[in-house]
PDB file of N, CA and C in Angstrom:
ATOM      1  N   MET A   1      38.664  31.076  48.945  1.00  0.00           N
ATOM      2  CA  MET A   1      37.611  32.371  48.654  1.00  0.00           C
ATOM      3  C   MET A   1      38.262  33.298  47.944  1.00  0.00           C
ATOM      4  N   ALA A   2      37.978  33.974  47.294  1.00  0.00           N
ATOM      5  CA  ALA A   2      38.400  35.552  46.856  1.00  0.00           C
ATOM      6  C   ALA A   2      37.956  36.592  47.906  1.00  0.00           C
ATOM      7  N   GLY A   3      39.266  37.080  48.115  1.00  0.00           N
ATOM      8  CA  GLY A   3      38.806  37.923  50.107  1.00  0.00           C
ATOM      9  C   GLY A   3      39.837  37.721  50.875  1.00  0.00           C
ATOM     10  N   ASP A   4      40.339  36.370  50.909  1.00  0.00           N
ATOM     11  CA  ASP A   4      40.403  35.920  51.854  1.00  0.00           C
ATOM     12  C   ASP A   4      41.982  36.160  52.267  1.00  0.00           C
ATOM     13  N   PHE A   5      42.526  36.564  53.741  1.00  0.00           N
ATOM     14  CA  PHE A   5      43.642  36.647  53.663  1.00  0.00           C
ATOM     15  C   PHE A   5      43.947  36.178  55.199  1.00  0.00           C
ATOM     16  N   VAL A   6      45.813  35.951  55.071  1.00  0.00           N
ATOM     17  CA  VAL A   6      46.274  35.870  56.853  1.00  0.00           C
ATOM     18  C   VAL A   6      46.683  37.566  56.924  1.00  0.00           C
ATOM     19  N   THR A   7      47.021  36.958  58.098  1.00  0.00           N
ATOM     20  CA  THR A   7      47.833  37.832  58.979  1.00  0.00           C
ATOM     21  C   THR A   7      49.148  38.004  58.815  1.00  0.00           C
ATOM     22  N   GLN A   8      49.986  39.054  58.981  1.00  0.00           N
ATOM     23  CA  GLN A   8      51.216  39.724  58.716  1.00  0.00           C
ATOM     24  C   GLN A   8      51.055  37.850  59.479  1.00  0.00           C
ATOM     25  N   ALA A   9      51.365  38.386  61.187  1.00  0.00           N
ATOM     26  CA  ALA A   9      52.159  37.220  61.296  1.00  0.00           C
ATOM     27  C   ALA A   9      52.383  35.789  61.608  1.00  0.00           C
ATOM     28  N   GLU A  10      51.425  35.651  60.996  1.00  0.00           N
ATOM     29  CA  GLU A  10      50.575  34.034  60.199  1.00  0.00           C
ATOM     30  C   GLU A  10      51.634  34.001  59.378  1.00  0.00           C
ATOM     31  N   LEU A  11      51.783  34.946  57.543  1.00  0.00           N
ATOM     32  CA  LEU A  11      52.488  34.480  57.338  1.00  0.00           C
ATOM     33  C   LEU A  11      54.256  34.915  57.393  1.00  0.00           C
ATOM     34  N   GLU A  12      54.350  35.237  58.526  1.00  0.00           N
ATOM     35  CA  GLU A  12      55.859  35.019  58.554  1.00  0.00           C
ATOM     36  C   GLU A  12      56.333  34.201  59.830  1.00  0.00           C
ATOM     37  N   ALA A  13      55.330  33.637  60.008  1.00  0.00           N
ATOM     38  CA  ALA A  13      55.266  31.933  60.864  1.00  0.00           C
ATOM     39  C   ALA A  13      55.737  30.960  59.766  1.00  0.00           C
ATOM     40  N   ALA A  14      54.516  31.193  58.977  1.00  0.00           N
ATOM     41  CA  ALA A  14      54.821  29.607  57.643  1.00  0.00           C
ATOM     42  C   ALA A  14      56.056  30.450  56.924  1.00  0.00           C
ATOM     43  N   LEU A  15      56.819  31.648  57.294  1.00  0.00           N
ATOM     44  CA  LEU A  15      57.404  31.780  56.455  1.00  0.00           C
ATOM     45  C   LEU A  15      59.097  31.610  57.024  1.00  0.00           C
ATOM     46  N   GLU A  16      59.150  31.322  58.478  1.00  0.00           N
ATOM     47  CA  GLU A  16      59.817  30.842  59.064  1.00  0.00           C
ATOM     48  C   GLU A  16      59.871  29.419  58.815  1.00  0.00           C
ATOM     49  N   ALA A  17      58.464  28.631  59.048  1.00  0.00           N
ATOM     50  CA  ALA A  17      58.336  27.032  59.242  1.00  0.00           C
ATOM     51  C   ALA A  17      59.336  26.829  57.800  1.00  0.00           C
ATOM     52  N   LEU A  18      59.341  27.562  56.873  1.00  0.00           N
ATOM     53  CA  LEU A  18      60.435  27.182  55.646  1.00  0.00           C
ATOM     54  C   LEU A  18      61.590  26.960  55.776  1.00  0.00           C
ATOM     55  N   ARG A  19      62.484  27.507  56.910  1.00  0.00           N
ATOM     56  CA  ARG A  19      63.279  27.699  57.063  1.00  0.00           C
ATOM     57  C   ARG A  19      63.544  25.795  57.687  1.00  0.00           C
ATOM     58  N   GLU A  20      62.573  25.140  57.967  1.00  0.00           N
ATOM     59  CA  GLU A  20      63.237  24.273  58.542  1.00  0.00           C
ATOM     60  C   GLU A  20      64.318  23.112  57.599  1.00  0.00           C
ATOM     61  N   PRO A  21      65.319  22.739  58.440  1.00  0.00           N
ATOM     62  CA  PRO A  21      66.123  21.541  57.638  1.00  0.00           C
ATOM     63  C   PRO A  21      65.135  20.326  57.208  1.00  0.00           C
ATOM     64  N   GLY A  22      65.435  20.114  56.078  1.00  0.00           N
ATOM     65  CA  GLY A  22      64.983  19.230  55.268  1.00  0.00           C
ATOM     66  C   GLY A  22      62.921  18.959  54.877  1.00  0.00           C
ATOM     67  N   ARG A  23      63.061  20.709  54.952  1.00  0.00           N
ATOM     68  CA  ARG A  23      61.542  21.117  54.844  1.00  0.00           C
ATOM     69  C   ARG A  23      61.211  20.666  52.737  1.00  0.00           C
ATOM     70  N   PHE A  24      61.988  21.105  52.000  1.00  0.00           N
ATOM     71  CA  PHE A  24      61.711  21.008  51.536  1.00  0.00           C
ATOM     72  C   PHE A  24      61.680  19.706  49.853  1.00  0.00           C
ATOM     73  N   ASP A  25      62.411  18.485  50.906  1.00  0.00           N
ATOM     74  CA  ASP A  25      62.331  16.737  50.664  1.00  0.00           C
ATOM     75  C   ASP A  25      61.993  16.413  49.267  1.00  0.00           C
ATOM     76  N   ALA A  26      61.046  16.515  49.892  1.00  0.00           N
ATOM     77  CA  ALA A  26      59.373  15.964  49.698  1.00  0.00           C
ATOM     78  C   ALA A  26      59.101  16.248  47.977  1.00  0.00           C
ATOM     79  N   ALA A  27      59.251  18.610  48.317  1.00  0.00           N
ATOM     80  CA  ALA A  27      58.586  18.819  47.300  1.00  0.00           C
ATOM     81  C   ALA A  27      59.983  19.489  46.239  1.00  0.00           C
ATOM     82  N   GLU A  28      60.692  18.868  46.856  1.00  0.00           N
ATOM     83  CA  GLU A  28      61.880  18.304  45.220  1.00  0.00           C
ATOM     84  C   GLU A  28      61.810  17.135  44.723  1.00  0.00           C
ATOM     85  N   ARG A  29      61.346  16.261  45.759  1.00  0.00           N
ATOM     86  CA  ARG A  29      60.896  14.797  44.952  1.00  0.00           C
ATOM     87  C   ARG A  29      60.138  14.787  43.898  1.00  0.00           C
ATOM     88  N   LEU A  30      58.576  16.139  44.160  1.00  0.00           N
ATOM     89  CA  LEU A  30      57.950  16.128  43.558  1.00  0.00           C
ATOM     90  C   LEU A  30      58.126  17.222  42.511  1.00  0.00           C
ATOM     91  N   VAL A  31      58.874  18.456  42.218  1.00  0.00           N
ATOM     92  CA  VAL A  31      59.155  19.035  41.143  1.00  0.00           C
ATOM     93  C   VAL A  31      60.603  18.147  40.546  1.00  0.00           C
ATOM     94  N   ALA A  32      61.166  17.626  40.580  1.00  0.00           N
ATOM     95  CA  ALA A  32      61.954  16.140  39.497  1.00  0.00           C
ATOM     96  C   ALA A  32      61.469  16.260  38.897  1.00  0.00           C
ATOM     97  N   GLN A  33      59.835  15.595  39.298  1.00  0.00           N
ATOM     98  CA  GLN A  33      58.708  14.523  38.990  1.00  0.00           C
ATOM     99  C   GLN A  33      58.664  15.595  37.623  1.00  0.00           C
ATOM    100  N   ALA A  34      57.945  16.342  38.422  1.00  0.00           N
ATOM    101  CA  ALA A  34      57.239  17.583  37.634  1.00  0.00           C
ATOM    102  C   ALA A  34      57.680  18.655  36.311  1.00  0.00           C
ATOM    103  N   ALA A  35      59.236  17.918  36.340  1.00  0.00           N
ATOM    104  CA  ALA A  35      60.118  19.450  35.789  1.00  0.00           C
ATOM    105  C   ALA A  35      59.031  19.375  33.982  1.00  0.00           C
ATOM    106  N   PRO A  36      59.342  18.459  33.559  1.00  0.00           N
ATOM    107  CA  PRO A  36      59.216  18.692  32.370  1.00  0.00           C
ATOM    108  C   PRO A  36      57.916  19.576  32.151  1.00  0.00           C
ATOM    109  N   GLY A  37      56.856  19.001  32.251  1.00  0.00           N
ATOM    110  CA  GLY A  37      55.200  19.464  32.588  1.00  0.00           C
ATOM    111  C   GLY A  37      55.732  21.366  32.668  1.00  0.00           C
ATOM    112  N   LEU A  38      56.351  20.904  34.659  1.00  0.00           N
ATOM    113  CA  LEU A  38      56.415  22.497  35.064  1.00  0.00           C
ATOM    114  C   LEU A  38      57.466  23.472  33.993  1.00  0.00           C
ATOM    115  N   GLN A  39      58.125  23.299  32.857  1.00  0.00           N
ATOM    116  CA  GLN A  39      59.066  23.740  32.307  1.00  0.00           C
ATOM    117  C   GLN A  39      58.366  24.202  31.068  1.00  0.00           C
ATOM    118  N   ARG A  40      57.509  23.101  31.084  1.00  0.00           N
ATOM    119  CA  ARG A  40      56.233  24.045  29.424  1.00  0.00           C
ATOM    120  C   ARG A  40      55.455  25.217  29.874  1.00  0.00           C
ATOM    121  N   ILE A  41      54.716  24.703  31.810  1.00  0.00           N
ATOM    122  CA  ILE A  41      54.092  25.994  32.178  1.00  0.00           C
ATOM    123  C   ILE A  41      54.704  27.280  32.160  1.00  0.00           C
ATOM    124  N   LEU A  42      55.829  27.029  32.717  1.00  0.00           N
ATOM    125  CA  LEU A  42      56.351  28.517  32.542  1.00  0.00           C
ATOM    126  C   LEU A  42      56.527  29.190  31.574  1.00  0.00           C
ATOM    127  N   ALA A  43      57.161  28.745  30.594  1.00  0.00           N
ATOM    128  CA  ALA A  43      57.597  29.408  29.619  1.00  0.00           C
ATOM    129  C   ALA A  43      56.673  29.336  28.785  1.00  0.00           C
ATOM    130  N   GLU A  44      55.724  29.017  28.815  1.00  0.00           N
ATOM    131  CA  GLU A  44      54.185  29.742  28.652  1.00  0.00           C
ATOM    132  C   GLU A  44      53.573  30.641  28.659  1.00  0.00           C
ATOM    133  N   ALA A  45      53.722  30.985  30.482  1.00  0.00           N
ATOM    134  CA  ALA A  45      52.863  32.179  31.671  1.00  0.00           C
ATOM    135  C   ALA A  45      54.236  33.612  31.018  1.00  0.00           C
ATOM    136  N   LEU A  46      55.653  32.421  30.680  1.00  0.00           N
ATOM    137  CA  LEU A  46      56.409  33.952  29.880  1.00  0.00           C
ATOM    138  C   LEU A  46      56.191  34.119  28.903  1.00  0.00           C
ATOM    139  N   ALA A  47      56.365  33.638  27.973  1.00  0.00           N
ATOM    140  CA  ALA A  47      55.107  34.127  26.493  1.00  0.00           C
ATOM    141  C   ALA A  47      53.972  35.001  26.861  1.00  0.00           C
ATOM    142  N   GLY A  48      53.232  34.237  26.739  1.00  0.00           N
ATOM    143  CA  GLY A  48      51.772  35.654  27.816  1.00  0.00           C
ATOM    144  C   GLY A  48      52.076  36.309  28.138  1.00  0.00           C
ATOM    145  N   GLY A  49      53.132  36.547  29.168  1.00  0.00           N
ATOM    146  CA  GLY A  49      54.009  37.663  29.412  1.00  0.00           C
ATOM    147  C   GLY A  49      54.408  38.606  29.180  1.00  0.00           C
ATOM    148  N   GLY A  50      54.499  38.666  27.345  1.00  0.00           N
ATOM    149  CA  GLY A  50      55.674  39.162  26.836  1.00  0.00           C
ATOM    150  C   GLY A  50      57.484  38.408  26.459  1.00  0.00           C
ATOM    151  N   TRP A  51      57.785  37.618  27.652  1.00  0.00           N
ATOM    152  CA  TRP A  51      58.909  37.624  27.573  1.00  0.00           C
ATOM    153  C   TRP A  51      59.288  36.598  26.478  1.00  0.00           C
ATOM    154  N   ASN A  52      60.435  36.377  25.621  1.00  0.00           N
ATOM    155  CA  ASN A  52      61.031  36.010  25.187  1.00  0.00           C
ATOM    156  C   ASN A  52      60.131  36.272  23.658  1.00  0.00           C
ATOM    157  N   SER A  53      60.163  37.515  23.517  1.00  0.00           N
ATOM    158  CA  SER A  53      59.028  38.047  22.871  1.00  0.00           C
ATOM    159  C   SER A  53      60.197  39.110  22.243  1.00  0.00           C
ATOM    160  N   GLU A  54      59.738  39.322  20.335  1.00  0.00           N
ATOM    161  CA  GLU A  54      60.259  40.318  19.923  1.00  0.00           C
ATOM    162  C   GLU A  54      61.152  41.651  20.631  1.00  0.00           C
ATOM    163  N   ASP A  55      60.175  42.372  21.407  1.00  0.00           N
ATOM    164  CA  ASP A  55      60.159  42.864  22.658  1.00  0.00           C
ATOM    165  C   ASP A  55      62.024  42.688  23.633  1.00  0.00           C
ATOM    166  N   ASP A  56      61.773  41.467  24.092  1.00  0.00           N
ATOM    167  CA  ASP A  56      62.761  41.050  25.083  1.00  0.00           C
ATOM    168  C   ASP A  56      63.991  41.332  24.347  1.00  0.00           C
ATOM    169  N   ALA A  57      63.917  40.516  23.125  1.00  0.00           N
ATOM    170  CA  ALA A  57      65.443  40.368  22.470  1.00  0.00           C
ATOM    171  C   ALA A  57      65.824  41.641  22.266  1.00  0.00           C
ATOM    172  N   ARG A  58      64.673  42.320  21.675  1.00  0.00           N
ATOM    173  CA  ARG A  58      65.508  43.633  21.312  1.00  0.00           C
ATOM    174  C   ARG A  58      66.015  44.577  23.154  1.00  0.00           C
ATOM    175  N   GLU A  59      64.882  44.292  24.187  1.00  0.00           N
ATOM    176  CA  GLU A  59      65.659  44.863  25.207  1.00  0.00           C
ATOM    177  C   GLU A  59      67.417  44.743  25.678  1.00  0.00           C
ATOM    178  N   ILE A  60      67.242  43.025  24.806  1.00  0.00           N
ATOM    179  CA  ILE A  60      68.739  42.671  25.299  1.00  0.00           C
ATOM    180  C   ILE A  60      69.850  42.458  24.523  1.00  0.00           C
ATOM    181  N   GLU A  61      69.388  43.025  22.760  1.00  0.00           N
ATOM    182  CA  GLU A  61      70.330  43.833  21.670  1.00  0.00           C
ATOM    183  C   GLU A  61      70.566  45.295  22.309  1.00  0.00           C
ATOM    184  N   LYS A  62      69.535  45.870  22.287  1.00  0.00           N
ATOM    185  CA  LYS A  62      69.948  47.214  23.407  1.00  0.00           C
ATOM    186  C   LYS A  62      71.373  47.116  24.361  1.00  0.00           C
ATOM    187  N   ALA A  63      70.176  46.373  25.233  1.00  0.00           N
ATOM    188  CA  ALA A  63      71.727  46.126  26.431  1.00  0.00           C
ATOM    189  C   ALA A  63      73.180  45.859  25.722  1.00  0.00           C
ATOM    190  N   LEU A  64      73.303  44.783  25.027  1.00  0.00           N
ATOM    191  CA  LEU A  64      74.775  44.853  24.045  1.00  0.00           C
ATOM    192  C   LEU A  64      75.725  45.753  23.509  1.00  0.00           C
ATOM    193  N   VAL A  65      74.777  46.585  22.579  1.00  0.00           N
ATOM    194  CA  VAL A  65      74.822  47.869  22.051  1.00  0.00           C
ATOM    195  C   VAL A  65      75.012  48.843  23.097  1.00  0.00           C
ATOM    196  N   ALA A  66      75.170  49.070  24.368  1.00  0.00           N
ATOM    197  CA  ALA A  66      75.118  49.938  25.024  1.00  0.00           C
ATOM    198  C   ALA A  66      76.652  50.775  24.781  1.00  0.00           C
ATOM    199  N   SER A  67      76.458  52.130  24.675  1.00  0.00           N
ATOM    200  CA  SER A  67      78.382  53.129  24.836  1.00  0.00           C
ATOM    201  C   SER A  67      78.784  52.374  25.122  1.00  0.00           C
ATOM    202  N   ASP A  68      78.617  51.575  26.727  1.00  0.00           N
ATOM    203  CA  ASP A  68      80.059  51.205  27.606  1.00  0.00           C
ATOM    204  C   ASP A  68      80.006  49.847  28.542  1.00  0.00           C
ATOM    205  N   HIS A  69      80.833  49.388  28.601  1.00  0.00           N
ATOM    206  CA  HIS A  69      80.678  48.516  29.232  1.00  0.00           C
ATOM    207  C   HIS A  69      80.103  48.244  30.734  1.00  0.00           C
ATOM    208  N   ALA A  70      79.906  49.283  31.156  1.00  0.00           N
ATOM    209  CA  ALA A  70      78.943  49.422  32.492  1.00  0.00           C
ATOM    210  C   ALA A  70      77.676  49.292  32.443  1.00  0.00           C
ATOM    211  N   THR A  71      77.113  50.314  31.724  1.00  0.00           N
ATOM    212  CA  THR A  71      76.435  50.055  31.221  1.00  0.00           C
ATOM    213  C   THR A  71      75.389  49.366  31.122  1.00  0.00           C
ATOM    214  N   ALA A  72      76.425  48.363  29.556  1.00  0.00           N
ATOM    215  CA  ALA A  72      75.124  47.329  29.271  1.00  0.00           C
ATOM    216  C   ALA A  72      75.215  46.025  30.458  1.00  0.00           C
ATOM    217  N   LEU A  73      75.985  45.985  31.650  1.00  0.00           N
ATOM    218  CA  LEU A  73      76.034  45.145  32.082  1.00  0.00           C
ATOM    219  C   LEU A  73      74.972  45.009  32.944  1.00  0.00           C
ATOM    220  N   THR A  74      75.225  46.836  33.459  1.00  0.00           N
ATOM    221  CA  THR A  74      73.867  46.546  33.858  1.00  0.00           C
ATOM    222  C   THR A  74      72.233  46.553  33.617  1.00  0.00           C
ATOM    223  N   ALA A  75      72.525  47.214  32.177  1.00  0.00           N
ATOM    224  CA  ALA A  75      71.412  46.491  31.296  1.00  0.00           C
ATOM    225  C   ALA A  75      70.880  44.879  31.868  1.00  0.00           C
ATOM    226  N   LEU A  76      71.582  44.311  31.503  1.00  0.00           N
ATOM    227  CA  LEU A  76      71.522  42.536  31.615  1.00  0.00           C
ATOM    228  C   LEU A  76      71.333  42.440  32.608  1.00  0.00           C
ATOM    229  N   ARG A  77      72.299  43.016  33.644  1.00  0.00           N
ATOM    230  CA  ARG A  77      72.373  42.395  35.241  1.00  0.00           C
ATOM    231  C   ARG A  77      70.016  42.448  35.800  1.00  0.00           C
ATOM    232  N   THR A  78      69.681  43.759  34.732  1.00  0.00           N
ATOM    233  CA  THR A  78      68.719  44.579  35.525  1.00  0.00           C
ATOM    234  C   THR A  78      67.729  43.056  35.066  1.00  0.00           C
ATOM    235  N   HIS A  79      67.869  43.043  33.372  1.00  0.00           N
ATOM    236  CA  HIS A  79      67.139  42.062  32.554  1.00  0.00           C
ATOM    237  C   HIS A  79      67.351  40.775  33.053  1.00  0.00           C
ATOM    238  N   LEU A  80      68.250  40.719  33.179  1.00  0.00           N
ATOM    239  CA  LEU A  80      68.362  39.020  34.025  1.00  0.00           C
ATOM    240  C   LEU A  80      67.541  38.729  35.269  1.00  0.00           C
ATOM    241  N   ALA A  81      67.672  39.923  36.264  1.00  0.00           N
ATOM    242  CA  ALA A  81      66.813  39.864  37.454  1.00  0.00           C
ATOM    243  C   ALA A  81      64.857  40.097  37.612  1.00  0.00           C
ATOM    244  N   GLU A  82      65.109  40.922  36.074  1.00  0.00           N
ATOM    245  CA  GLU A  82      63.584  40.888  35.933  1.00  0.00           C
ATOM    246  C   GLU A  82      62.649  39.956  35.445  1.00  0.00           C
ATOM    247  N   GLN A  83      63.396  39.292  34.824  1.00  0.00           N
ATOM    248  CA  GLN A  83      62.974  37.924  34.644  1.00  0.00           C
ATOM    249  C   GLN A  83      62.794  36.520  35.299  1.00  0.00           C
ATOM    250  N   THR A  84      63.990  36.789  36.024  1.00  0.00           N
ATOM    251  CA  THR A  84      64.331  35.650  37.002  1.00  0.00           C
ATOM    252  C   THR A  84      62.825  35.813  38.458  1.00  0.00           C
ATOM    253  N   ARG A  85      62.685  36.977  39.206  1.00  0.00           N
ATOM    254  CA  ARG A  85      61.638  37.580  39.180  1.00  0.00           C
ATOM    255  C   ARG A  85      60.680  37.058  39.128  1.00  0.00           C
ATOM    256  N   LEU A  86      60.060  36.972  38.164  1.00  0.00           N
ATOM    257  CA  LEU A  86      58.958  36.839  36.919  1.00  0.00           C
ATOM    258  C   LEU A  86      58.875  35.566  37.175  1.00  0.00           C
ATOM    259  N   ALA A  87      59.861  34.997  36.974  1.00  0.00           N
ATOM    260  CA  ALA A  87      59.783  32.971  36.272  1.00  0.00           C
ATOM    261  C   ALA A  87      59.516  32.652  38.249  1.00  0.00           C
ATOM    262  N   MET A  88      60.598  33.058  39.269  1.00  0.00           N
ATOM    263  CA  MET A  88      59.821  32.548  40.410  1.00  0.00           C
ATOM    264  C   MET A  88      58.257  32.621  40.949  1.00  0.00           C
ATOM    265  N   LEU A  89      57.984  34.017  40.583  1.00  0.00           N
ATOM    266  CA  LEU A  89      56.784  34.747  40.695  1.00  0.00           C
ATOM    267  C   LEU A  89      54.903  33.669  39.830  1.00  0.00           C
ATOM    268  N   VAL A  90      55.460  33.267  39.253  1.00  0.00           N
ATOM    269  CA  VAL A  90      55.568  31.988  38.002  1.00  0.00           C
ATOM    270  C   VAL A  90      55.687  30.829  39.111  1.00  0.00           C
ATOM    271  N   GLY A  91      56.133  30.891  39.090  1.00  0.00           N
ATOM    272  CA  GLY A  91      56.564  29.305  39.867  1.00  0.00           C
ATOM    273  C   GLY A  91      55.886  29.113  41.159  1.00  0.00           C
ATOM    274  N   VAL A  92      56.019  30.541  42.058  1.00  0.00           N
ATOM    275  CA  VAL A  92      54.797  29.729  43.117  1.00  0.00           C
ATOM    276  C   VAL A  92      53.415  30.029  42.853  1.00  0.00           C
ATOM    277  N   ALA A  93      53.393  30.456  42.297  1.00  0.00           N
ATOM    278  CA  ALA A  93      51.612  30.468  41.664  1.00  0.00           C
ATOM    279  C   ALA A  93      50.936  29.140  40.814  1.00  0.00           C
ATOM    280  N   VAL A  94      52.093  28.584  40.059  1.00  0.00           N
ATOM    281  CA  VAL A  94      52.017  27.154  39.785  1.00  0.00           C
ATOM    282  C   VAL A  94      51.839  25.968  40.176  1.00  0.00           C
ATOM    283  N   GLY A  95      53.045  26.669  41.629  1.00  0.00           N
ATOM    284  CA  GLY A  95      53.247  25.411  43.361  1.00  0.00           C
ATOM    285  C   GLY A  95      52.232  25.438  43.698  1.00  0.00           C
ATOM    286  N   ILE A  96      51.574  26.445  44.167  1.00  0.00           N
ATOM    287  CA  ILE A  96      50.036  26.369  44.459  1.00  0.00           C
ATOM    288  C   ILE A  96      48.717  26.137  44.119  1.00  0.00           C
ATOM    289  N   GLU A  97      49.278  26.251  42.860  1.00  0.00           N
ATOM    290  CA  GLU A  97      47.954  25.609  42.624  1.00  0.00           C
ATOM    291  C   GLU A  97      47.444  24.186  41.798  1.00  0.00           C
ATOM    292  N   LEU A  98      49.546  23.154  41.327  1.00  0.00           N
ATOM    293  CA  LEU A  98      49.476  22.417  41.635  1.00  0.00           C
ATOM    294  C   LEU A  98      49.769  21.124  42.832  1.00  0.00           C
ATOM    295  N   ALA A  99      49.661  22.009  43.763  1.00  0.00           N
ATOM    296  CA  ALA A  99      49.944  21.516  45.627  1.00  0.00           C
ATOM    297  C   ALA A  99      47.703  21.602  45.758  1.00  0.00           C
ATOM    298  N   ASN A 100      47.010  22.493  45.181  1.00  0.00           N
ATOM    299  CA  ASN A 100      45.512  21.680  45.203  1.00  0.00           C
ATOM    300  C   ASN A 100      44.909  21.000  44.353  1.00  0.00           C
ATOM    301  N   GLU A 101      45.834  21.074  43.424  1.00  0.00           N
ATOM    302  CA  GLU A 101      44.611  19.740  42.644  1.00  0.00           C
ATOM    303  C   GLU A 101      45.042  18.579  42.639  1.00  0.00           C
ATOM    304  N   LEU A 102      46.535  18.710  43.606  1.00  0.00           N
ATOM    305  CA  LEU A 102      46.829  17.335  43.893  1.00  0.00           C
ATOM    306  C   LEU A 102      46.830  16.635  45.509  1.00  0.00           C
ATOM    307  N   ASP A 103      45.730  17.871  45.996  1.00  0.00           N
ATOM    308  CA  ASP A 103      45.457  18.229  46.937  1.00  0.00           C
ATOM    309  C   ASP A 103      46.609  17.300  48.093  1.00  0.00           C
ATOM    310  N   LEU A 104      47.574  17.967  48.014  1.00  0.00           N
ATOM    311  CA  LEU A 104      48.789  18.634  49.091  1.00  0.00           C
ATOM    312  C   LEU A 104      48.528  19.014  49.743  1.00  0.00           C
ATOM    313  N   GLY A 105      48.327  18.937  50.880  1.00  0.00           N
ATOM    314  CA  GLY A 105      47.861  20.212  52.017  1.00  0.00           C
ATOM    315  C   GLY A 105      49.346  20.323  53.006  1.00  0.00           C
ATOM    316  N   GLY A 106      50.198  18.615  53.494  1.00  0.00           N
ATOM    317  CA  GLY A 106      51.167  18.785  53.711  1.00  0.00           C
ATOM    318  C   GLY A 106      50.614  16.954  54.477  1.00  0.00           C
ATOM    319  N   ALA A 107      52.232  15.975  54.174  1.00  0.00           N
ATOM    320  CA  ALA A 107      51.823  14.942  55.096  1.00  0.00           C
ATOM    321  C   ALA A 107      51.838  14.863  56.380  1.00  0.00           C
ATOM    322  N   ASP A 108      51.396  13.635  56.963  1.00  0.00           N
ATOM    323  CA  ASP A 108      50.665  14.036  59.051  1.00  0.00           C
ATOM    324  C   ASP A 108      52.183  13.984  59.691  1.00  0.00           C
ATOM    325  N   ASP A 109      52.828  13.059  58.432  1.00  0.00           N
ATOM    326  CA  ASP A 109      54.354  13.170  60.183  1.00  0.00           C
ATOM    327  C   ASP A 109      54.939  14.399  59.312  1.00  0.00           C
ATOM    328  N   GLU A 110      54.738  15.072  58.752  1.00  0.00           N
ATOM    329  CA  GLU A 110      55.854  16.152  58.697  1.00  0.00           C
ATOM    330  C   GLU A 110      55.619  17.390  59.552  1.00  0.00           C
ATOM    331  N   PRO A 111      55.437  18.771  59.789  1.00  0.00           N
ATOM    332  CA  PRO A 111      55.246  19.638  61.012  1.00  0.00           C
ATOM    333  C   PRO A 111      54.758  20.473  59.481  1.00  0.00           C
ATOM    334  N   SER A 112      53.290  21.466  59.772  1.00  0.00           N
ATOM    335  CA  SER A 112      52.034  21.820  59.863  1.00  0.00           C
ATOM    336  C   SER A 112      52.209  23.100  60.411  1.00  0.00           C
ATOM    337  N   LEU A 113      51.799  24.137  59.164  1.00  0.00           N
ATOM    338  CA  LEU A 113      51.364  25.133  60.307  1.00  0.00           C
ATOM    339  C   LEU A 113      49.592  25.288  60.043  1.00  0.00           C
ATOM    340  N   THR A 114      48.739  25.775  60.963  1.00  0.00           N
ATOM    341  CA  THR A 114      47.575  25.912  60.350  1.00  0.00           C
ATOM    342  C   THR A 114      47.274  28.149  60.345  1.00  0.00           C
ATOM    343  N   ILE A 115      46.955  28.172  59.637  1.00  0.00           N
ATOM    344  CA  ILE A 115      46.894  29.074  58.824  1.00  0.00           C
ATOM    345  C   ILE A 115      45.282  29.307  59.279  1.00  0.00           C
ATOM    346  N   THR A 116      45.016  30.714  59.998  1.00  0.00           N
ATOM    347  CA  THR A 116      43.523  30.188  59.848  1.00  0.00           C
ATOM    348  C   THR A 116      43.288  31.782  58.738  1.00  0.00           C
ATOM    349  N   ARG A 117      42.197  31.665  58.502  1.00  0.00           N
ATOM    350  CA  ARG A 117      41.713  32.367  56.694  1.00  0.00           C
ATOM    351  C   ARG A 117      40.830  33.465  56.706  1.00  0.00           C
ATOM    352  N   HIS A 118      40.751  34.845  57.077  1.00  0.00           N
ATOM    353  CA  HIS A 118      40.028  35.463  57.547  1.00  0.00           C
ATOM    354  C   HIS A 118      39.262  36.366  56.541  1.00  0.00           C
ATOM    355  N   SER A 119      37.809  36.854  56.414  1.00  0.00           N
ATOM    356  CA  SER A 119      37.826  36.982  55.211  1.00  0.00           C
ATOM    357  C   SER A 119      37.619  38.893  55.375  1.00  0.00           C
ATOM    358  N   SER A 120      37.551  39.522  54.363  1.00  0.00           N
ATOM    359  CA  SER A 120      38.079  40.175  54.412  1.00  0.00           C
ATOM    360  C   SER A 120      37.211  41.657  55.351  1.00  0.00           C
ATOM    361  N   SER A 121      35.268  41.072  54.916  1.00  0.00           N
ATOM    362  CA  SER A 121      34.681  41.817  55.304  1.00  0.00           C
ATOM    363  C   SER A 121      35.146  41.938  57.113  1.00  0.00           C
ATOM    364  N   GLU A 122      35.873  40.575  57.385  1.00  0.00           N
ATOM    365  CA  GLU A 122      35.530  40.505  59.228  1.00  0.00           C
ATOM    366  C   GLU A 122      36.665  41.905  59.514  1.00  0.00           C
ATOM    367  N   SER A 123      37.461  41.855  58.473  1.00  0.00           N
ATOM    368  CA  SER A 123      38.995  42.439  59.296  1.00  0.00           C
ATOM    369  C   SER A 123      38.213  44.438  58.779  1.00  0.00           C
ATOM    370  N   GLY A 124      37.748  45.083  58.680  1.00  0.00           N
ATOM    371  CA  GLY A 124      37.154  46.117  57.847  1.00  0.00           C
ATOM    372  C   GLY A 124      37.480  46.613  56.293  1.00  0.00           C
ATOM    373  N   GLN A 125      38.316  45.911  55.825  1.00  0.00           N
ATOM    374  CA  GLN A 125      38.583  46.024  54.258  1.00  0.00           C
ATOM    375  C   GLN A 125      36.845  46.002  53.371  1.00  0.00           C
TER     376      GLN A 125
END
């Protein structure tokens, strides 16, 4: 539901649970199987957000012709970091929706974390 949220403690517990050894084994197999389709979705999302466009190319060219090496390197690293962050965020969103679409809440034999969803009206927001 829109307006639902998890508490900070629940979020931290869920993030900690992701550190368990082998936690991503099933997800890695699914991603490997879905990689071609996921790659297309990511490319479309990045293009829709203006990445890999003429503006993006101009930013890269501007960095490459910077007056000094340090400035060029900083500009390229910054640009790459921005692209990486955006790709990661899009990837997470796609992963969540793919899990919802496939109805993957976690296998019975895998550890799970129950997260209680609270509506924003209950929290006084």
